[in-house]
Protein backbone atom coordinates (compact mmCIF):
# COMPACT_ATOMS: atom_id res chain seq x y z
CA UNK A 1 0.00 0.00 0.00
CA UNK A 2 1.28 3.45 -0.84
CA UNK A 3 2.34 5.66 2.03
CA UNK A 4 -0.62 7.91 2.85
CA UNK A 5 0.41 11.56 2.83
CA UNK A 6 -1.89 14.56 2.72
CA UNK A 7 -1.89 16.42 -0.56
CA UNK A 8 -0.68 19.97 -1.06
CA UNK A 9 -3.26 22.68 -0.55
CA UNK A 10 -4.98 23.26 -3.91
CA UNK A 11 -4.68 27.03 -3.66
CA UNK A 12 -0.98 26.82 -2.85
CA UNK A 13 -0.36 24.46 -5.77
CA UNK A 14 -2.25 26.74 -8.13
CA UNK A 15 -0.13 29.66 -6.98
CA UNK A 16 3.08 27.89 -8.01
CA UNK A 17 1.64 26.81 -11.35
CA UNK A 18 0.39 30.34 -12.05
CA UNK A 19 3.92 31.68 -11.53
CA UNK A 20 5.29 29.28 -14.14
CA UNK A 21 2.46 30.09 -16.51
CA UNK A 22 3.16 33.79 -16.10
CA UNK A 23 6.91 33.21 -16.59
CA UNK A 24 7.52 34.57 -13.10
CA UNK A 25 10.18 32.34 -11.56
CA UNK A 26 12.79 34.66 -9.98
CA UNK A 27 14.42 31.77 -8.11
CA UNK A 28 15.55 30.05 -11.33
CA UNK A 29 19.28 30.01 -12.08
CA UNK A 30 20.48 30.01 -15.67
CA UNK A 31 23.78 28.48 -14.55
CA UNK A 32 24.83 25.44 -12.54
CA UNK A 33 24.59 26.05 -8.82
CA UNK A 34 27.95 26.59 -7.11
CA UNK A 35 27.36 23.75 -4.67
CA UNK A 36 26.72 21.29 -7.48
CA UNK A 37 29.64 22.55 -9.54
CA UNK A 38 32.00 22.06 -6.58
CA UNK A 39 30.49 19.19 -4.62
CA UNK A 40 28.53 16.97 -7.01
CA UNK A 41 30.52 13.93 -5.86
CA UNK A 42 28.81 14.12 -2.46
CA UNK A 43 25.57 13.23 -4.21
CA UNK A 44 26.92 10.48 -6.40
CA UNK A 45 28.14 7.75 -4.07
CA UNK A 46 26.99 6.42 -0.72
CA UNK A 47 27.57 3.07 1.01
CA UNK A 48 24.15 1.85 -0.14
CA UNK A 49 23.66 3.49 -3.54
CA UNK A 50 25.43 5.32 -6.32
CA UNK A 51 24.67 7.61 -9.22
CA UNK A 52 20.97 8.23 -8.52
CA UNK A 53 20.01 11.73 -7.39
CA UNK A 54 16.69 13.18 -6.29
CA UNK A 55 15.79 16.84 -6.88
CA UNK A 56 12.53 17.88 -5.16
CA UNK A 57 10.57 20.84 -6.59
CA UNK A 58 13.11 20.87 -9.39
CA UNK A 59 11.51 23.38 -11.76
CA UNK A 60 13.63 23.43 -14.90
CA UNK A 61 16.97 23.71 -13.12
CA UNK A 62 20.03 23.24 -15.31
CA UNK A 63 21.52 21.23 -12.43
CA UNK A 64 19.53 18.23 -13.69
CA UNK A 65 21.36 18.21 -17.03
CA UNK A 66 24.72 18.81 -15.35
CA UNK A 67 24.25 15.88 -12.98
CA UNK A 68 22.94 13.62 -15.76
CA UNK A 69 25.97 14.48 -17.92
CA UNK A 70 28.15 13.14 -15.09
CA UNK A 71 26.51 9.74 -15.55
CA UNK A 72 23.84 9.96 -12.87
CA UNK A 73 20.20 8.99 -13.07
CA UNK A 74 18.34 12.12 -11.99
CA UNK A 75 14.80 11.99 -10.63
CA UNK A 76 12.90 15.21 -10.08
CA UNK A 77 9.46 16.21 -8.86
CA UNK A 78 7.78 19.37 -10.08
CA UNK A 79 4.14 20.48 -9.95
CA UNK A 80 4.27 22.55 -13.14
CA UNK A 81 4.08 20.73 -16.46
CA UNK A 82 5.27 23.94 -18.14
CA UNK A 83 8.53 23.80 -16.18
CA UNK A 84 9.09 20.12 -16.98
CA UNK A 85 8.46 20.53 -20.70
CA UNK A 86 10.62 23.67 -20.79
CA UNK A 87 13.50 21.71 -19.29
CA UNK A 88 13.49 19.09 -22.05
CA UNK A 89 12.91 21.67 -24.77
CA UNK A 90 15.69 24.02 -23.64
CA UNK A 91 18.21 21.16 -23.52
CA UNK A 92 17.01 19.52 -26.75
CA UNK A 93 16.34 16.24 -25.00
CA UNK A 94 13.67 13.96 -26.47
CA UNK A 95 11.23 12.57 -23.95
CA UNK A 96 8.20 10.40 -23.47
CA UNK A 97 5.40 10.84 -20.95
CA UNK A 98 3.06 8.47 -19.19
CA UNK A 99 0.37 8.69 -16.54
CA UNK A 100 1.28 7.67 -12.99
CA UNK A 101 -1.97 7.14 -11.07
CA UNK A 102 -0.12 6.58 -7.78
CA UNK A 103 0.91 10.26 -7.70
CA UNK A 104 -2.09 11.56 -9.64
CA UNK A 105 0.31 12.92 -12.23
CA UNK A 106 2.68 12.13 -15.07
CA UNK A 107 6.22 10.89 -15.54
CA UNK A 108 8.36 12.58 -18.21
CA UNK A 109 11.34 10.41 -19.15
CA UNK A 110 14.35 11.25 -21.33
CA UNK A 111 14.44 9.22 -24.52
CA UNK A 112 17.79 10.10 -26.09
CA UNK A 113 19.81 7.06 -24.83
CA UNK A 114 22.40 9.46 -23.39
CA UNK A 115 20.70 10.87 -20.31
CA UNK A 116 18.79 9.10 -17.55
CA UNK A 117 16.30 11.73 -16.44
CA UNK A 118 12.86 11.10 -14.91
CA UNK A 119 10.74 14.09 -13.94
CA UNK A 120 7.48 13.46 -12.13
CA UNK A 121 4.87 16.17 -12.65
CA UNK A 122 2.81 15.83 -9.50
CA UNK A 123 2.18 16.91 -5.93
CA UNK A 124 5.41 16.34 -3.99
CA UNK A 125 3.43 15.19 -0.96
CA UNK A 126 2.23 12.17 -2.94
CA UNK A 127 5.81 11.06 -3.66
CA UNK A 128 7.73 8.56 -1.50
CA UNK A 129 10.17 5.68 -1.64
CA UNK A 130 7.31 3.54 -2.91
CA UNK A 131 7.52 5.52 -6.17
CA UNK A 132 11.33 5.77 -6.44
CA UNK A 133 14.07 4.67 -4.06
CA UNK A 134 17.76 3.80 -3.94
CA UNK A 135 19.05 7.37 -4.08
CA UNK A 136 22.72 8.12 -3.55
CA UNK A 137 22.01 11.82 -3.09
CA UNK A 138 19.39 14.52 -2.68
CA UNK A 139 19.81 18.09 -3.93
CA UNK A 140 17.34 20.27 -2.03
CA UNK A 141 18.03 23.65 -3.57
CA UNK A 142 14.78 25.51 -3.02
CA UNK A 143 12.31 22.94 -1.75
CA UNK A 144 12.49 22.84 2.04
CA UNK A 145 13.02 26.60 2.25
CA UNK A 146 9.82 27.17 0.22
CA UNK A 147 7.63 25.16 2.60
CA UNK A 148 5.13 26.94 4.80
CA UNK A 149 5.69 26.14 8.47
CA UNK A 150 2.42 24.21 8.43
CA UNK A 151 3.73 22.01 5.58
CA UNK A 152 7.24 21.24 6.83
CA UNK A 153 6.28 18.19 8.87
CA UNK A 154 4.61 16.63 5.82
CA UNK A 155 7.63 17.53 3.73
CA UNK A 156 10.14 15.88 6.05
CA UNK A 157 7.85 12.85 6.29
CA UNK A 158 8.23 12.39 2.52
CA UNK A 159 11.98 13.01 2.53
CA UNK A 160 12.61 10.62 5.40
CA UNK A 161 11.27 7.78 3.27
CA UNK A 162 14.09 8.51 0.80
CA UNK A 163 17.11 8.97 3.08
CA UNK A 164 19.37 6.30 4.50
CA UNK A 165 22.65 6.30 6.43
CA UNK A 166 25.46 7.67 4.28
CA UNK A 167 23.27 9.37 1.67
CA UNK A 168 24.62 12.64 0.30
CA UNK A 169 22.07 15.33 1.11
CA UNK A 170 22.75 18.98 0.25
CA UNK A 171 20.28 21.70 1.21
CA UNK A 172 20.35 25.38 0.29
CA UNK A 173 19.12 27.73 3.00
CA UNK A 174 18.80 31.52 3.00
CA UNK A 175 20.32 33.47 5.87
CA UNK A 176 17.24 35.58 6.49
CA UNK A 177 15.16 37.07 9.28
CA UNK A 178 13.06 34.25 10.70
CA UNK A 179 9.79 36.14 10.25
CA UNK A 180 10.33 36.65 6.50
CA UNK A 181 9.61 34.29 3.63
CA UNK A 182 9.29 32.38 1.48
CA UNK A 183 12.05 31.46 1.08
CA UNK A 184 12.30 30.77 4.80
CA UNK A 185 15.37 30.49 6.96
CA UNK A 186 15.12 27.44 9.21
CA UNK A 187 17.70 27.22 12.03
CA UNK A 188 20.01 24.20 11.99
CA UNK A 189 18.65 22.82 15.27
CA UNK A 190 15.10 22.96 13.90
CA UNK A 191 16.14 21.11 10.71
CA UNK A 192 17.79 18.41 12.82
CA UNK A 193 14.73 18.11 15.04
CA UNK A 194 12.31 17.92 12.11
CA UNK A 195 14.33 15.24 10.32
CA UNK A 196 14.56 13.32 13.58
CA UNK A 197 17.15 11.34 15.55
CA UNK A 198 20.25 10.49 13.56
CA UNK A 199 20.22 13.70 11.48
CA UNK A 200 23.06 16.20 11.81
CA UNK A 201 23.53 19.38 9.79
CA UNK A 202 26.76 21.25 9.03
CA UNK A 203 27.43 24.28 6.85
CA UNK A 204 29.21 23.33 3.64
CA UNK A 205 29.63 26.68 1.88
CA UNK A 206 28.35 30.19 1.33
CA UNK A 207 26.72 30.92 -2.03
CA UNK A 208 28.09 33.98 -3.81
CA UNK A 209 26.24 33.63 -7.14
CA UNK A 210 22.53 34.17 -6.66
CA UNK A 211 19.57 35.14 -8.85
CA UNK A 212 19.35 38.87 -9.66
CA UNK A 213 17.90 40.93 -6.79
CA UNK A 214 17.71 37.85 -4.53
CA UNK A 215 19.79 39.46 -1.81
CA UNK A 216 17.53 42.53 -1.85
CA UNK A 217 14.58 40.54 -0.46
CA UNK A 218 13.47 41.86 2.96
CA UNK A 219 15.59 40.49 5.79
CA UNK A 220 17.98 38.64 3.44
CA UNK A 221 21.61 38.49 4.55
CA UNK A 222 23.01 35.72 2.36
CA UNK A 223 22.61 32.13 1.19
CA UNK A 224 24.32 29.00 2.48
CA UNK A 225 24.41 25.33 1.57
CA UNK A 226 24.32 22.73 4.32
CA UNK A 227 25.13 19.04 4.31
CA UNK A 228 22.72 16.75 6.11
CA UNK A 229 24.03 13.43 7.41
CA UNK A 230 21.97 10.51 8.67
CA UNK A 231 22.95 7.75 11.05
CA UNK A 232 20.96 4.77 12.26
CA UNK A 233 18.56 6.08 14.91
C-alpha atoms as a PDB file:
ATOM      1  CA  UNK A   1       0.000   0.000   0.000  1.00  0.00           C
ATOM      2  CA  UNK A   2       1.281   3.454  -0.845  1.00  0.00           C
ATOM      3  CA  UNK A   3       2.344   5.662   2.032  1.00  0.00           C
ATOM      4  CA  UNK A   4      -0.620   7.907   2.848  1.00  0.00           C
ATOM      5  CA  UNK A   5       0.409  11.562   2.829  1.00  0.00           C
ATOM      6  CA  UNK A   6      -1.889  14.557   2.716  1.00  0.00           C
ATOM      7  CA  UNK A   7      -1.887  16.423  -0.559  1.00  0.00           C
ATOM      8  CA  UNK A   8      -0.679  19.967  -1.065  1.00  0.00           C
ATOM      9  CA  UNK A   9      -3.258  22.682  -0.554  1.00  0.00           C
ATOM     10  CA  UNK A  10      -4.984  23.258  -3.914  1.00  0.00           C
ATOM     11  CA  UNK A  11      -4.682  27.027  -3.659  1.00  0.00           C
ATOM     12  CA  UNK A  12      -0.983  26.823  -2.845  1.00  0.00           C
ATOM     13  CA  UNK A  13      -0.360  24.460  -5.766  1.00  0.00           C
ATOM     14  CA  UNK A  14      -2.254  26.738  -8.133  1.00  0.00           C
ATOM     15  CA  UNK A  15      -0.127  29.661  -6.979  1.00  0.00           C
ATOM     16  CA  UNK A  16       3.077  27.887  -8.006  1.00  0.00           C
ATOM     17  CA  UNK A  17       1.637  26.809 -11.349  1.00  0.00           C
ATOM     18  CA  UNK A  18       0.394  30.338 -12.052  1.00  0.00           C
ATOM     19  CA  UNK A  19       3.918  31.676 -11.526  1.00  0.00           C
ATOM     20  CA  UNK A  20       5.290  29.281 -14.140  1.00  0.00           C
ATOM     21  CA  UNK A  21       2.455  30.089 -16.505  1.00  0.00           C
ATOM     22  CA  UNK A  22       3.159  33.793 -16.103  1.00  0.00           C
ATOM     23  CA  UNK A  23       6.912  33.208 -16.592  1.00  0.00           C
ATOM     24  CA  UNK A  24       7.517  34.574 -13.104  1.00  0.00           C
ATOM     25  CA  UNK A  25      10.182  32.341 -11.556  1.00  0.00           C
ATOM     26  CA  UNK A  26      12.792  34.657  -9.983  1.00  0.00           C
ATOM     27  CA  UNK A  27      14.419  31.767  -8.109  1.00  0.00           C
ATOM     28  CA  UNK A  28      15.546  30.052 -11.328  1.00  0.00           C
ATOM     29  CA  UNK A  29      19.280  30.010 -12.079  1.00  0.00           C
ATOM     30  CA  UNK A  30      20.476  30.014 -15.673  1.00  0.00           C
ATOM     31  CA  UNK A  31      23.785  28.484 -14.551  1.00  0.00           C
ATOM     32  CA  UNK A  32      24.826  25.440 -12.545  1.00  0.00           C
ATOM     33  CA  UNK A  33      24.588  26.045  -8.819  1.00  0.00           C
ATOM     34  CA  UNK A  34      27.945  26.589  -7.112  1.00  0.00           C
ATOM     35  CA  UNK A  35      27.364  23.749  -4.666  1.00  0.00           C
ATOM     36  CA  UNK A  36      26.723  21.286  -7.483  1.00  0.00           C
ATOM     37  CA  UNK A  37      29.638  22.545  -9.543  1.00  0.00           C
ATOM     38  CA  UNK A  38      32.002  22.064  -6.577  1.00  0.00           C
ATOM     39  CA  UNK A  39      30.489  19.191  -4.621  1.00  0.00           C
ATOM     40  CA  UNK A  40      28.534  16.967  -7.008  1.00  0.00           C
ATOM     41  CA  UNK A  41      30.524  13.925  -5.857  1.00  0.00           C
ATOM     42  CA  UNK A  42      28.814  14.120  -2.461  1.00  0.00           C
ATOM     43  CA  UNK A  43      25.566  13.233  -4.208  1.00  0.00           C
ATOM     44  CA  UNK A  44      26.916  10.480  -6.396  1.00  0.00           C
ATOM     45  CA  UNK A  45      28.135   7.755  -4.066  1.00  0.00           C
ATOM     46  CA  UNK A  46      26.988   6.421  -0.717  1.00  0.00           C
ATOM     47  CA  UNK A  47      27.566   3.072   1.015  1.00  0.00           C
ATOM     48  CA  UNK A  48      24.146   1.849  -0.139  1.00  0.00           C
ATOM     49  CA  UNK A  49      23.657   3.488  -3.541  1.00  0.00           C
ATOM     50  CA  UNK A  50      25.431   5.315  -6.316  1.00  0.00           C
ATOM     51  CA  UNK A  51      24.669   7.610  -9.224  1.00  0.00           C
ATOM     52  CA  UNK A  52      20.973   8.233  -8.521  1.00  0.00           C
ATOM     53  CA  UNK A  53      20.013  11.727  -7.393  1.00  0.00           C
ATOM     54  CA  UNK A  54      16.689  13.178  -6.288  1.00  0.00           C
ATOM     55  CA  UNK A  55      15.792  16.842  -6.876  1.00  0.00           C
ATOM     56  CA  UNK A  56      12.533  17.884  -5.162  1.00  0.00           C
ATOM     57  CA  UNK A  57      10.572  20.839  -6.588  1.00  0.00           C
ATOM     58  CA  UNK A  58      13.105  20.869  -9.389  1.00  0.00           C
ATOM     59  CA  UNK A  59      11.508  23.382 -11.760  1.00  0.00           C
ATOM     60  CA  UNK A  60      13.631  23.433 -14.898  1.00  0.00           C
ATOM     61  CA  UNK A  61      16.971  23.706 -13.124  1.00  0.00           C
ATOM     62  CA  UNK A  62      20.029  23.235 -15.310  1.00  0.00           C
ATOM     63  CA  UNK A  63      21.523  21.226 -12.434  1.00  0.00           C
ATOM     64  CA  UNK A  64      19.534  18.229 -13.694  1.00  0.00           C
ATOM     65  CA  UNK A  65      21.358  18.206 -17.033  1.00  0.00           C
ATOM     66  CA  UNK A  66      24.719  18.813 -15.352  1.00  0.00           C
ATOM     67  CA  UNK A  67      24.253  15.882 -12.978  1.00  0.00           C
ATOM     68  CA  UNK A  68      22.943  13.625 -15.759  1.00  0.00           C
ATOM     69  CA  UNK A  69      25.970  14.475 -17.922  1.00  0.00           C
ATOM     70  CA  UNK A  70      28.153  13.142 -15.091  1.00  0.00           C
ATOM     71  CA  UNK A  71      26.512   9.743 -15.554  1.00  0.00           C
ATOM     72  CA  UNK A  72      23.835   9.958 -12.873  1.00  0.00           C
ATOM     73  CA  UNK A  73      20.203   8.992 -13.067  1.00  0.00           C
ATOM     74  CA  UNK A  74      18.344  12.117 -11.988  1.00  0.00           C
ATOM     75  CA  UNK A  75      14.804  11.986 -10.630  1.00  0.00           C
ATOM     76  CA  UNK A  76      12.905  15.213 -10.076  1.00  0.00           C
ATOM     77  CA  UNK A  77       9.462  16.208  -8.861  1.00  0.00           C
ATOM     78  CA  UNK A  78       7.782  19.375 -10.084  1.00  0.00           C
ATOM     79  CA  UNK A  79       4.144  20.482  -9.946  1.00  0.00           C
ATOM     80  CA  UNK A  80       4.272  22.553 -13.145  1.00  0.00           C
ATOM     81  CA  UNK A  81       4.083  20.728 -16.456  1.00  0.00           C
ATOM     82  CA  UNK A  82       5.266  23.936 -18.137  1.00  0.00           C
ATOM     83  CA  UNK A  83       8.533  23.804 -16.184  1.00  0.00           C
ATOM     84  CA  UNK A  84       9.093  20.124 -16.983  1.00  0.00           C
ATOM     85  CA  UNK A  85       8.458  20.532 -20.702  1.00  0.00           C
ATOM     86  CA  UNK A  86      10.618  23.674 -20.792  1.00  0.00           C
ATOM     87  CA  UNK A  87      13.497  21.710 -19.292  1.00  0.00           C
ATOM     88  CA  UNK A  88      13.489  19.092 -22.046  1.00  0.00           C
ATOM     89  CA  UNK A  89      12.915  21.667 -24.767  1.00  0.00           C
ATOM     90  CA  UNK A  90      15.685  24.017 -23.639  1.00  0.00           C
ATOM     91  CA  UNK A  91      18.210  21.161 -23.520  1.00  0.00           C
ATOM     92  CA  UNK A  92      17.014  19.522 -26.754  1.00  0.00           C
ATOM     93  CA  UNK A  93      16.342  16.240 -24.999  1.00  0.00           C
ATOM     94  CA  UNK A  94      13.673  13.965 -26.471  1.00  0.00           C
ATOM     95  CA  UNK A  95      11.228  12.567 -23.948  1.00  0.00           C
ATOM     96  CA  UNK A  96       8.198  10.399 -23.471  1.00  0.00           C
ATOM     97  CA  UNK A  97       5.401  10.840 -20.954  1.00  0.00           C
ATOM     98  CA  UNK A  98       3.056   8.468 -19.187  1.00  0.00           C
ATOM     99  CA  UNK A  99       0.367   8.695 -16.541  1.00  0.00           C
ATOM    100  CA  UNK A 100       1.280   7.672 -12.993  1.00  0.00           C
ATOM    101  CA  UNK A 101      -1.970   7.142 -11.071  1.00  0.00           C
ATOM    102  CA  UNK A 102      -0.124   6.579  -7.780  1.00  0.00           C
ATOM    103  CA  UNK A 103       0.906  10.255  -7.702  1.00  0.00           C
ATOM    104  CA  UNK A 104      -2.095  11.564  -9.644  1.00  0.00           C
ATOM    105  CA  UNK A 105       0.311  12.923 -12.232  1.00  0.00           C
ATOM    106  CA  UNK A 106       2.676  12.129 -15.073  1.00  0.00           C
ATOM    107  CA  UNK A 107       6.216  10.889 -15.545  1.00  0.00           C
ATOM    108  CA  UNK A 108       8.360  12.575 -18.207  1.00  0.00           C
ATOM    109  CA  UNK A 109      11.336  10.412 -19.154  1.00  0.00           C
ATOM    110  CA  UNK A 110      14.351  11.248 -21.335  1.00  0.00           C
ATOM    111  CA  UNK A 111      14.436   9.222 -24.525  1.00  0.00           C
ATOM    112  CA  UNK A 112      17.791  10.097 -26.086  1.00  0.00           C
ATOM    113  CA  UNK A 113      19.811   7.063 -24.832  1.00  0.00           C
ATOM    114  CA  UNK A 114      22.397   9.457 -23.387  1.00  0.00           C
ATOM    115  CA  UNK A 115      20.703  10.865 -20.308  1.00  0.00           C
ATOM    116  CA  UNK A 116      18.791   9.096 -17.547  1.00  0.00           C
ATOM    117  CA  UNK A 117      16.298  11.726 -16.437  1.00  0.00           C
ATOM    118  CA  UNK A 118      12.862  11.104 -14.913  1.00  0.00           C
ATOM    119  CA  UNK A 119      10.736  14.095 -13.943  1.00  0.00           C
ATOM    120  CA  UNK A 120       7.477  13.457 -12.130  1.00  0.00           C
ATOM    121  CA  UNK A 121       4.874  16.166 -12.654  1.00  0.00           C
ATOM    122  CA  UNK A 122       2.814  15.833  -9.496  1.00  0.00           C
ATOM    123  CA  UNK A 123       2.179  16.912  -5.935  1.00  0.00           C
ATOM    124  CA  UNK A 124       5.407  16.340  -3.992  1.00  0.00           C
ATOM    125  CA  UNK A 125       3.431  15.187  -0.959  1.00  0.00           C
ATOM    126  CA  UNK A 126       2.230  12.166  -2.937  1.00  0.00           C
ATOM    127  CA  UNK A 127       5.811  11.060  -3.661  1.00  0.00           C
ATOM    128  CA  UNK A 128       7.727   8.559  -1.502  1.00  0.00           C
ATOM    129  CA  UNK A 129      10.174   5.679  -1.641  1.00  0.00           C
ATOM    130  CA  UNK A 130       7.315   3.535  -2.915  1.00  0.00           C
ATOM    131  CA  UNK A 131       7.519   5.519  -6.167  1.00  0.00           C
ATOM    132  CA  UNK A 132      11.326   5.773  -6.445  1.00  0.00           C
ATOM    133  CA  UNK A 133      14.070   4.669  -4.061  1.00  0.00           C
ATOM    134  CA  UNK A 134      17.763   3.796  -3.939  1.00  0.00           C
ATOM    135  CA  UNK A 135      19.047   7.374  -4.078  1.00  0.00           C
ATOM    136  CA  UNK A 136      22.720   8.117  -3.547  1.00  0.00           C
ATOM    137  CA  UNK A 137      22.008  11.817  -3.092  1.00  0.00           C
ATOM    138  CA  UNK A 138      19.387  14.522  -2.677  1.00  0.00           C
ATOM    139  CA  UNK A 139      19.814  18.091  -3.928  1.00  0.00           C
ATOM    140  CA  UNK A 140      17.340  20.267  -2.033  1.00  0.00           C
ATOM    141  CA  UNK A 141      18.034  23.650  -3.572  1.00  0.00           C
ATOM    142  CA  UNK A 142      14.778  25.513  -3.022  1.00  0.00           C
ATOM    143  CA  UNK A 143      12.313  22.943  -1.752  1.00  0.00           C
ATOM    144  CA  UNK A 144      12.494  22.841   2.037  1.00  0.00           C
ATOM    145  CA  UNK A 145      13.022  26.604   2.255  1.00  0.00           C
ATOM    146  CA  UNK A 146       9.822  27.168   0.221  1.00  0.00           C
ATOM    147  CA  UNK A 147       7.634  25.163   2.597  1.00  0.00           C
ATOM    148  CA  UNK A 148       5.125  26.938   4.803  1.00  0.00           C
ATOM    149  CA  UNK A 149       5.690  26.139   8.470  1.00  0.00           C
ATOM    150  CA  UNK A 150       2.420  24.206   8.427  1.00  0.00           C
ATOM    151  CA  UNK A 151       3.727  22.013   5.583  1.00  0.00           C
ATOM    152  CA  UNK A 152       7.235  21.243   6.830  1.00  0.00           C
ATOM    153  CA  UNK A 153       6.281  18.189   8.871  1.00  0.00           C
ATOM    154  CA  UNK A 154       4.606  16.635   5.823  1.00  0.00           C
ATOM    155  CA  UNK A 155       7.634  17.533   3.733  1.00  0.00           C
ATOM    156  CA  UNK A 156      10.144  15.882   6.055  1.00  0.00           C
ATOM    157  CA  UNK A 157       7.852  12.848   6.291  1.00  0.00           C
ATOM    158  CA  UNK A 158       8.232  12.390   2.523  1.00  0.00           C
ATOM    159  CA  UNK A 159      11.977  13.005   2.532  1.00  0.00           C
ATOM    160  CA  UNK A 160      12.610  10.620   5.402  1.00  0.00           C
ATOM    161  CA  UNK A 161      11.267   7.782   3.266  1.00  0.00           C
ATOM    162  CA  UNK A 162      14.091   8.511   0.798  1.00  0.00           C
ATOM    163  CA  UNK A 163      17.106   8.972   3.081  1.00  0.00           C
ATOM    164  CA  UNK A 164      19.368   6.304   4.501  1.00  0.00           C
ATOM    165  CA  UNK A 165      22.653   6.304   6.426  1.00  0.00           C
ATOM    166  CA  UNK A 166      25.458   7.672   4.282  1.00  0.00           C
ATOM    167  CA  UNK A 167      23.268   9.372   1.673  1.00  0.00           C
ATOM    168  CA  UNK A 168      24.623  12.636   0.296  1.00  0.00           C
ATOM    169  CA  UNK A 169      22.074  15.329   1.113  1.00  0.00           C
ATOM    170  CA  UNK A 170      22.745  18.976   0.249  1.00  0.00           C
ATOM    171  CA  UNK A 171      20.281  21.703   1.208  1.00  0.00           C
ATOM    172  CA  UNK A 172      20.352  25.385   0.294  1.00  0.00           C
ATOM    173  CA  UNK A 173      19.116  27.727   3.005  1.00  0.00           C
ATOM    174  CA  UNK A 174      18.801  31.524   2.998  1.00  0.00           C
ATOM    175  CA  UNK A 175      20.320  33.470   5.873  1.00  0.00           C
ATOM    176  CA  UNK A 176      17.239  35.584   6.492  1.00  0.00           C
ATOM    177  CA  UNK A 177      15.164  37.075   9.281  1.00  0.00           C
ATOM    178  CA  UNK A 178      13.055  34.251  10.700  1.00  0.00           C
ATOM    179  CA  UNK A 179       9.794  36.136  10.253  1.00  0.00           C
ATOM    180  CA  UNK A 180      10.331  36.648   6.498  1.00  0.00           C
ATOM    181  CA  UNK A 181       9.614  34.285   3.631  1.00  0.00           C
ATOM    182  CA  UNK A 182       9.294  32.378   1.482  1.00  0.00           C
ATOM    183  CA  UNK A 183      12.046  31.457   1.079  1.00  0.00           C
ATOM    184  CA  UNK A 184      12.296  30.774   4.798  1.00  0.00           C
ATOM    185  CA  UNK A 185      15.370  30.490   6.962  1.00  0.00           C
ATOM    186  CA  UNK A 186      15.116  27.442   9.211  1.00  0.00           C
ATOM    187  CA  UNK A 187      17.705  27.219  12.027  1.00  0.00           C
ATOM    188  CA  UNK A 188      20.005  24.199  11.994  1.00  0.00           C
ATOM    189  CA  UNK A 189      18.650  22.819  15.266  1.00  0.00           C
ATOM    190  CA  UNK A 190      15.101  22.963  13.897  1.00  0.00           C
ATOM    191  CA  UNK A 191      16.138  21.112  10.712  1.00  0.00           C
ATOM    192  CA  UNK A 192      17.794  18.405  12.822  1.00  0.00           C
ATOM    193  CA  UNK A 193      14.726  18.114  15.042  1.00  0.00           C
ATOM    194  CA  UNK A 194      12.305  17.922  12.110  1.00  0.00           C
ATOM    195  CA  UNK A 195      14.334  15.241  10.322  1.00  0.00           C
ATOM    196  CA  UNK A 196      14.561  13.324  13.578  1.00  0.00           C
ATOM    197  CA  UNK A 197      17.151  11.337  15.546  1.00  0.00           C
ATOM    198  CA  UNK A 198      20.251  10.489  13.558  1.00  0.00           C
ATOM    199  CA  UNK A 199      20.220  13.695  11.482  1.00  0.00           C
ATOM    200  CA  UNK A 200      23.060  16.196  11.809  1.00  0.00           C
ATOM    201  CA  UNK A 201      23.530  19.384   9.787  1.00  0.00           C
ATOM    202  CA  UNK A 202      26.761  21.254   9.028  1.00  0.00           C
ATOM    203  CA  UNK A 203      27.429  24.277   6.847  1.00  0.00           C
ATOM    204  CA  UNK A 204      29.213  23.325   3.637  1.00  0.00           C
ATOM    205  CA  UNK A 205      29.634  26.679   1.881  1.00  0.00           C
ATOM    206  CA  UNK A 206      28.348  30.194   1.333  1.00  0.00           C
ATOM    207  CA  UNK A 207      26.722  30.916  -2.028  1.00  0.00           C
ATOM    208  CA  UNK A 208      28.085  33.979  -3.812  1.00  0.00           C
ATOM    209  CA  UNK A 209      26.244  33.627  -7.144  1.00  0.00           C
ATOM    210  CA  UNK A 210      22.531  34.175  -6.661  1.00  0.00           C
ATOM    211  CA  UNK A 211      19.568  35.145  -8.855  1.00  0.00           C
ATOM    212  CA  UNK A 212      19.347  38.866  -9.656  1.00  0.00           C
ATOM    213  CA  UNK A 213      17.898  40.928  -6.788  1.00  0.00           C
ATOM    214  CA  UNK A 214      17.710  37.848  -4.529  1.00  0.00           C
ATOM    215  CA  UNK A 215      19.792  39.464  -1.810  1.00  0.00           C
ATOM    216  CA  UNK A 216      17.532  42.529  -1.853  1.00  0.00           C
ATOM    217  CA  UNK A 217      14.582  40.538  -0.455  1.00  0.00           C
ATOM    218  CA  UNK A 218      13.472  41.861   2.959  1.00  0.00           C
ATOM    219  CA  UNK A 219      15.588  40.486   5.786  1.00  0.00           C
ATOM    220  CA  UNK A 220      17.983  38.642   3.439  1.00  0.00           C
ATOM    221  CA  UNK A 221      21.613  38.491   4.552  1.00  0.00           C
ATOM    222  CA  UNK A 222      23.013  35.721   2.356  1.00  0.00           C
ATOM    223  CA  UNK A 223      22.610  32.133   1.192  1.00  0.00           C
ATOM    224  CA  UNK A 224      24.320  29.002   2.479  1.00  0.00           C
ATOM    225  CA  UNK A 225      24.405  25.332   1.571  1.00  0.00           C
ATOM    226  CA  UNK A 226      24.318  22.727   4.323  1.00  0.00           C
ATOM    227  CA  UNK A 227      25.125  19.042   4.308  1.00  0.00           C
ATOM    228  CA  UNK A 228      22.723  16.746   6.109  1.00  0.00           C
ATOM    229  CA  UNK A 229      24.029  13.429   7.408  1.00  0.00           C
ATOM    230  CA  UNK A 230      21.974  10.507   8.668  1.00  0.00           C
ATOM    231  CA  UNK A 231      22.950   7.748  11.050  1.00  0.00           C
ATOM    232  CA  UNK A 232      20.963   4.765  12.264  1.00  0.00           C
ATOM    233  CA  UNK A 233      18.559   6.078  14.909  1.00  0.00           C
END
